Amino acid sequence: MNFLPGGGEFGRGARREVRNPVLLLPAAQGILALPIDSRRPLGILLRQLADQANDQAQTSWKQNKGIMAAYWKAVSVYSKHLARVIDPISARRCDRGSAEA
């Protein structure tokens, strides 16, 4: 079997900090120290923001607005990273839900 550098199926590291660099920030540890019940609503809203930003990126791309498509795609990625820091459980549920839809 051929393994890629860095491990994982796509050659990326398996550590959470590699896949989500936001976790390296000290404020992320402060967020994780908060009770999950207070973080969950914000995590869900950030996932919704990510989905909406991704839709906007697709629309911008179809309209040949590459710069705006890149902007909205970045908003989507950052929102997903933040949502996974704030509430990893609801982020996983949303990922599964979108895959089933």
N, C-alpha and C. Protein backbone atom coordinates (compact mmCIF):
# COMPACT_ATOMS: atom_id res chain seq x y z
N MET A 1 0.84 -1.18 0.00
CA MET A 1 0.00 0.00 0.00
C MET A 1 0.89 1.25 0.00
N ASN A 2 0.53 2.24 -0.77
CA ASN A 2 1.31 3.45 -0.91
C ASN A 2 0.79 4.52 0.06
N PHE A 3 1.62 4.91 1.04
CA PHE A 3 1.22 5.93 1.99
C PHE A 3 1.81 7.28 1.58
N LEU A 4 1.01 8.31 1.71
CA LEU A 4 1.45 9.66 1.36
C LEU A 4 2.15 10.33 2.53
N PRO A 5 3.05 11.28 2.26
CA PRO A 5 3.73 11.99 3.35
C PRO A 5 2.72 12.69 4.26
N GLY A 6 2.96 12.65 5.54
CA GLY A 6 2.08 13.32 6.48
C GLY A 6 0.97 12.43 6.99
N GLY A 7 0.81 11.25 6.42
CA GLY A 7 -0.23 10.33 6.87
C GLY A 7 -1.59 10.70 6.33
N GLY A 8 -2.55 9.94 6.68
CA GLY A 8 -3.91 10.18 6.22
C GLY A 8 -4.10 9.80 4.76
N GLU A 9 -5.33 9.73 4.35
CA GLU A 9 -5.66 9.33 2.99
C GLU A 9 -5.12 10.31 1.95
N PHE A 10 -5.06 11.59 2.30
CA PHE A 10 -4.65 12.61 1.35
C PHE A 10 -3.28 13.20 1.68
N GLY A 11 -2.52 12.53 2.53
CA GLY A 11 -1.18 12.99 2.86
C GLY A 11 -1.16 14.11 3.87
N ARG A 12 -2.28 14.34 4.55
CA ARG A 12 -2.31 15.38 5.58
C ARG A 12 -2.13 14.75 6.94
N GLY A 13 -1.72 15.56 7.90
CA GLY A 13 -1.54 15.06 9.25
C GLY A 13 -2.87 14.69 9.89
N ALA A 14 -2.82 13.79 10.84
CA ALA A 14 -4.03 13.34 11.52
C ALA A 14 -4.32 14.16 12.77
N ARG A 15 -3.36 14.97 13.21
CA ARG A 15 -3.58 15.78 14.42
C ARG A 15 -4.65 16.84 14.16
N ARG A 16 -5.47 17.09 15.17
CA ARG A 16 -6.54 18.08 15.04
C ARG A 16 -6.00 19.46 14.68
N GLU A 17 -4.84 19.83 15.24
CA GLU A 17 -4.27 21.16 15.02
C GLU A 17 -3.81 21.35 13.57
N VAL A 18 -3.48 20.27 12.90
CA VAL A 18 -3.07 20.35 11.50
C VAL A 18 -4.30 20.58 10.64
N ARG A 19 -5.36 19.87 10.94
CA ARG A 19 -6.58 19.99 10.14
C ARG A 19 -7.36 21.26 10.45
N ASN A 20 -7.22 21.79 11.66
CA ASN A 20 -7.92 23.00 12.07
C ASN A 20 -6.95 23.89 12.84
N PRO A 21 -6.22 24.78 12.13
CA PRO A 21 -5.21 25.61 12.78
C PRO A 21 -5.76 26.55 13.85
N VAL A 22 -7.05 26.82 13.84
CA VAL A 22 -7.66 27.69 14.85
C VAL A 22 -7.42 27.11 16.25
N LEU A 23 -7.32 25.79 16.35
CA LEU A 23 -7.11 25.15 17.65
C LEU A 23 -5.78 25.53 18.29
N LEU A 24 -4.84 26.03 17.51
CA LEU A 24 -3.55 26.44 18.05
C LEU A 24 -3.61 27.79 18.77
N LEU A 25 -4.64 28.57 18.53
CA LEU A 25 -4.75 29.89 19.14
C LEU A 25 -5.15 29.77 20.60
N PRO A 26 -4.54 30.57 21.48
CA PRO A 26 -4.89 30.50 22.90
C PRO A 26 -6.38 30.75 23.17
N ALA A 27 -6.99 31.63 22.41
CA ALA A 27 -8.42 31.91 22.62
C ALA A 27 -9.28 30.68 22.36
N ALA A 28 -8.82 29.80 21.48
CA ALA A 28 -9.58 28.57 21.21
C ALA A 28 -9.67 27.71 22.46
N GLN A 29 -8.58 27.68 23.23
CA GLN A 29 -8.61 26.92 24.48
C GLN A 29 -9.57 27.54 25.48
N GLY A 30 -9.67 28.86 25.46
CA GLY A 30 -10.66 29.54 26.31
C GLY A 30 -12.08 29.20 25.91
N ILE A 31 -12.31 29.11 24.60
CA ILE A 31 -13.64 28.72 24.11
C ILE A 31 -13.98 27.31 24.56
N LEU A 32 -13.01 26.41 24.45
CA LEU A 32 -13.24 25.02 24.84
C LEU A 32 -13.50 24.88 26.34
N ALA A 33 -13.04 25.85 27.13
CA ALA A 33 -13.26 25.80 28.57
C ALA A 33 -14.70 26.18 28.95
N LEU A 34 -15.42 26.83 28.04
CA LEU A 34 -16.81 27.21 28.32
C LEU A 34 -17.71 25.98 28.29
N PRO A 35 -18.83 26.03 29.01
CA PRO A 35 -19.77 24.91 28.98
C PRO A 35 -20.33 24.70 27.57
N ILE A 36 -20.49 23.45 27.18
CA ILE A 36 -20.97 23.12 25.83
C ILE A 36 -22.36 23.70 25.58
N ASP A 37 -23.19 23.76 26.60
CA ASP A 37 -24.55 24.28 26.40
C ASP A 37 -24.55 25.75 25.98
N SER A 38 -23.54 26.49 26.41
CA SER A 38 -23.46 27.90 26.00
C SER A 38 -22.79 28.05 24.63
N ARG A 39 -22.00 27.06 24.22
CA ARG A 39 -21.32 27.14 22.92
C ARG A 39 -22.16 26.60 21.78
N ARG A 40 -23.02 25.63 22.04
CA ARG A 40 -23.73 24.93 20.97
C ARG A 40 -24.52 25.85 20.04
N PRO A 41 -25.33 26.80 20.53
CA PRO A 41 -26.09 27.66 19.59
C PRO A 41 -25.17 28.43 18.63
N LEU A 42 -24.05 28.92 19.12
CA LEU A 42 -23.12 29.64 18.25
C LEU A 42 -22.49 28.69 17.23
N GLY A 43 -22.17 27.49 17.65
CA GLY A 43 -21.61 26.50 16.73
C GLY A 43 -22.58 26.19 15.59
N ILE A 44 -23.84 26.05 15.91
CA ILE A 44 -24.86 25.77 14.88
C ILE A 44 -24.99 26.95 13.93
N LEU A 45 -25.01 28.17 14.48
CA LEU A 45 -25.11 29.36 13.64
C LEU A 45 -23.89 29.49 12.71
N LEU A 46 -22.72 29.18 13.21
CA LEU A 46 -21.52 29.25 12.36
C LEU A 46 -21.57 28.22 11.24
N ARG A 47 -22.12 27.04 11.51
CA ARG A 47 -22.27 26.04 10.44
C ARG A 47 -23.25 26.54 9.38
N GLN A 48 -24.33 27.18 9.82
CA GLN A 48 -25.28 27.76 8.87
C GLN A 48 -24.62 28.86 8.05
N LEU A 49 -23.82 29.69 8.72
CA LEU A 49 -23.08 30.74 8.02
C LEU A 49 -22.15 30.13 6.98
N ALA A 50 -21.47 29.05 7.34
CA ALA A 50 -20.56 28.39 6.41
C ALA A 50 -21.31 27.87 5.19
N ASP A 51 -22.45 27.25 5.41
CA ASP A 51 -23.25 26.72 4.29
C ASP A 51 -23.73 27.85 3.37
N GLN A 52 -24.19 28.94 3.97
CA GLN A 52 -24.67 30.08 3.18
C GLN A 52 -23.52 30.73 2.42
N ALA A 53 -22.37 30.86 3.05
CA ALA A 53 -21.21 31.45 2.37
C ALA A 53 -20.75 30.55 1.23
N ASN A 54 -20.81 29.25 1.42
CA ASN A 54 -20.44 28.33 0.35
C ASN A 54 -21.40 28.46 -0.84
N ASP A 55 -22.69 28.58 -0.55
CA ASP A 55 -23.68 28.79 -1.62
C ASP A 55 -23.39 30.09 -2.37
N GLN A 56 -23.04 31.14 -1.62
CA GLN A 56 -22.73 32.42 -2.24
C GLN A 56 -21.46 32.31 -3.10
N ALA A 57 -20.49 31.52 -2.66
CA ALA A 57 -19.27 31.30 -3.44
C ALA A 57 -19.61 30.63 -4.77
N GLN A 58 -20.49 29.64 -4.73
CA GLN A 58 -20.90 28.95 -5.96
C GLN A 58 -21.60 29.90 -6.92
N THR A 59 -22.49 30.74 -6.37
CA THR A 59 -23.21 31.72 -7.19
C THR A 59 -22.23 32.71 -7.82
N SER A 60 -21.29 33.20 -7.02
CA SER A 60 -20.31 34.16 -7.53
C SER A 60 -19.45 33.52 -8.63
N TRP A 61 -19.08 32.27 -8.44
CA TRP A 61 -18.27 31.57 -9.44
C TRP A 61 -19.02 31.44 -10.76
N LYS A 62 -20.30 31.10 -10.68
CA LYS A 62 -21.12 30.95 -11.89
C LYS A 62 -21.30 32.29 -12.61
N GLN A 63 -21.22 33.38 -11.86
CA GLN A 63 -21.36 34.72 -12.44
C GLN A 63 -20.00 35.28 -12.88
N ASN A 64 -18.97 34.43 -12.90
CA ASN A 64 -17.61 34.83 -13.28
C ASN A 64 -17.04 35.93 -12.39
N LYS A 65 -17.38 35.88 -11.11
CA LYS A 65 -16.86 36.82 -10.13
C LYS A 65 -15.90 36.06 -9.21
N GLY A 66 -14.73 35.74 -9.78
CA GLY A 66 -13.77 34.89 -9.09
C GLY A 66 -13.29 35.43 -7.76
N ILE A 67 -13.07 36.73 -7.68
CA ILE A 67 -12.58 37.33 -6.43
C ILE A 67 -13.62 37.16 -5.32
N MET A 68 -14.88 37.42 -5.64
CA MET A 68 -15.94 37.27 -4.64
C MET A 68 -16.15 35.80 -4.30
N ALA A 69 -16.00 34.92 -5.29
CA ALA A 69 -16.12 33.48 -5.01
C ALA A 69 -15.04 33.05 -4.01
N ALA A 70 -13.81 33.54 -4.20
CA ALA A 70 -12.73 33.20 -3.28
C ALA A 70 -12.99 33.77 -1.89
N TYR A 71 -13.51 34.98 -1.83
CA TYR A 71 -13.84 35.59 -0.55
C TYR A 71 -14.87 34.75 0.20
N TRP A 72 -15.97 34.41 -0.47
CA TRP A 72 -17.03 33.65 0.18
C TRP A 72 -16.58 32.25 0.55
N LYS A 73 -15.71 31.66 -0.25
CA LYS A 73 -15.18 30.33 0.08
C LYS A 73 -14.33 30.42 1.34
N ALA A 74 -13.53 31.48 1.46
CA ALA A 74 -12.72 31.66 2.67
C ALA A 74 -13.62 31.84 3.89
N VAL A 75 -14.68 32.63 3.76
CA VAL A 75 -15.63 32.82 4.86
C VAL A 75 -16.21 31.46 5.28
N SER A 76 -16.53 30.64 4.30
CA SER A 76 -17.08 29.31 4.58
C SER A 76 -16.09 28.44 5.36
N VAL A 77 -14.85 28.42 4.91
CA VAL A 77 -13.83 27.59 5.57
C VAL A 77 -13.57 28.09 6.99
N TYR A 78 -13.41 29.40 7.17
CA TYR A 78 -13.16 29.93 8.51
C TYR A 78 -14.33 29.64 9.43
N SER A 79 -15.55 29.77 8.91
CA SER A 79 -16.73 29.51 9.73
C SER A 79 -16.79 28.05 10.17
N LYS A 80 -16.44 27.15 9.27
CA LYS A 80 -16.43 25.72 9.63
C LYS A 80 -15.37 25.45 10.69
N HIS A 81 -14.19 26.04 10.53
CA HIS A 81 -13.14 25.83 11.52
C HIS A 81 -13.57 26.34 12.89
N LEU A 82 -14.17 27.52 12.93
CA LEU A 82 -14.64 28.07 14.20
C LEU A 82 -15.76 27.22 14.79
N ALA A 83 -16.68 26.77 13.94
CA ALA A 83 -17.79 25.93 14.43
C ALA A 83 -17.26 24.65 15.05
N ARG A 84 -16.23 24.09 14.46
CA ARG A 84 -15.67 22.84 14.99
C ARG A 84 -14.93 23.05 16.30
N VAL A 85 -14.39 24.25 16.50
CA VAL A 85 -13.77 24.56 17.79
C VAL A 85 -14.87 24.75 18.83
N ILE A 86 -15.89 25.50 18.49
CA ILE A 86 -16.94 25.86 19.43
C ILE A 86 -17.79 24.66 19.82
N ASP A 87 -18.18 23.85 18.83
CA ASP A 87 -19.05 22.71 19.12
C ASP A 87 -18.78 21.59 18.12
N PRO A 88 -17.80 20.75 18.39
CA PRO A 88 -17.45 19.69 17.43
C PRO A 88 -18.58 18.70 17.19
N ILE A 89 -19.44 18.47 18.17
CA ILE A 89 -20.51 17.49 18.02
C ILE A 89 -21.55 17.97 17.03
N SER A 90 -22.05 19.19 17.17
CA SER A 90 -23.07 19.67 16.23
C SER A 90 -22.47 19.86 14.84
N ALA A 91 -21.18 20.17 14.77
CA ALA A 91 -20.53 20.30 13.46
C ALA A 91 -20.55 18.95 12.75
N ARG A 92 -20.29 17.87 13.48
CA ARG A 92 -20.33 16.53 12.87
C ARG A 92 -21.74 16.18 12.44
N ARG A 93 -22.73 16.52 13.26
CA ARG A 93 -24.12 16.24 12.91
C ARG A 93 -24.51 16.98 11.64
N CYS A 94 -24.09 18.23 11.51
CA CYS A 94 -24.40 19.01 10.31
C CYS A 94 -23.71 18.42 9.09
N ASP A 95 -22.45 17.96 9.24
CA ASP A 95 -21.73 17.35 8.13
C ASP A 95 -22.46 16.11 7.64
N ARG A 96 -22.92 15.27 8.58
CA ARG A 96 -23.65 14.06 8.19
C ARG A 96 -24.97 14.42 7.55
N GLY A 97 -25.66 15.42 8.10
CA GLY A 97 -26.95 15.82 7.56
C GLY A 97 -26.84 16.33 6.13
N SER A 98 -25.78 17.09 5.84
CA SER A 98 -25.62 17.62 4.49
C SER A 98 -25.22 16.52 3.52
N ALA A 99 -24.51 15.50 4.01
CA ALA A 99 -24.12 14.40 3.14
C ALA A 99 -25.32 13.53 2.80
N GLU A 100 -26.29 13.45 3.72
CA GLU A 100 -27.47 12.64 3.47
C GLU A 100 -28.46 13.34 2.57
N ALA A 101 -28.42 14.67 2.58
CA ALA A 101 -29.41 15.44 1.80
C ALA A 101 -29.13 15.38 0.32
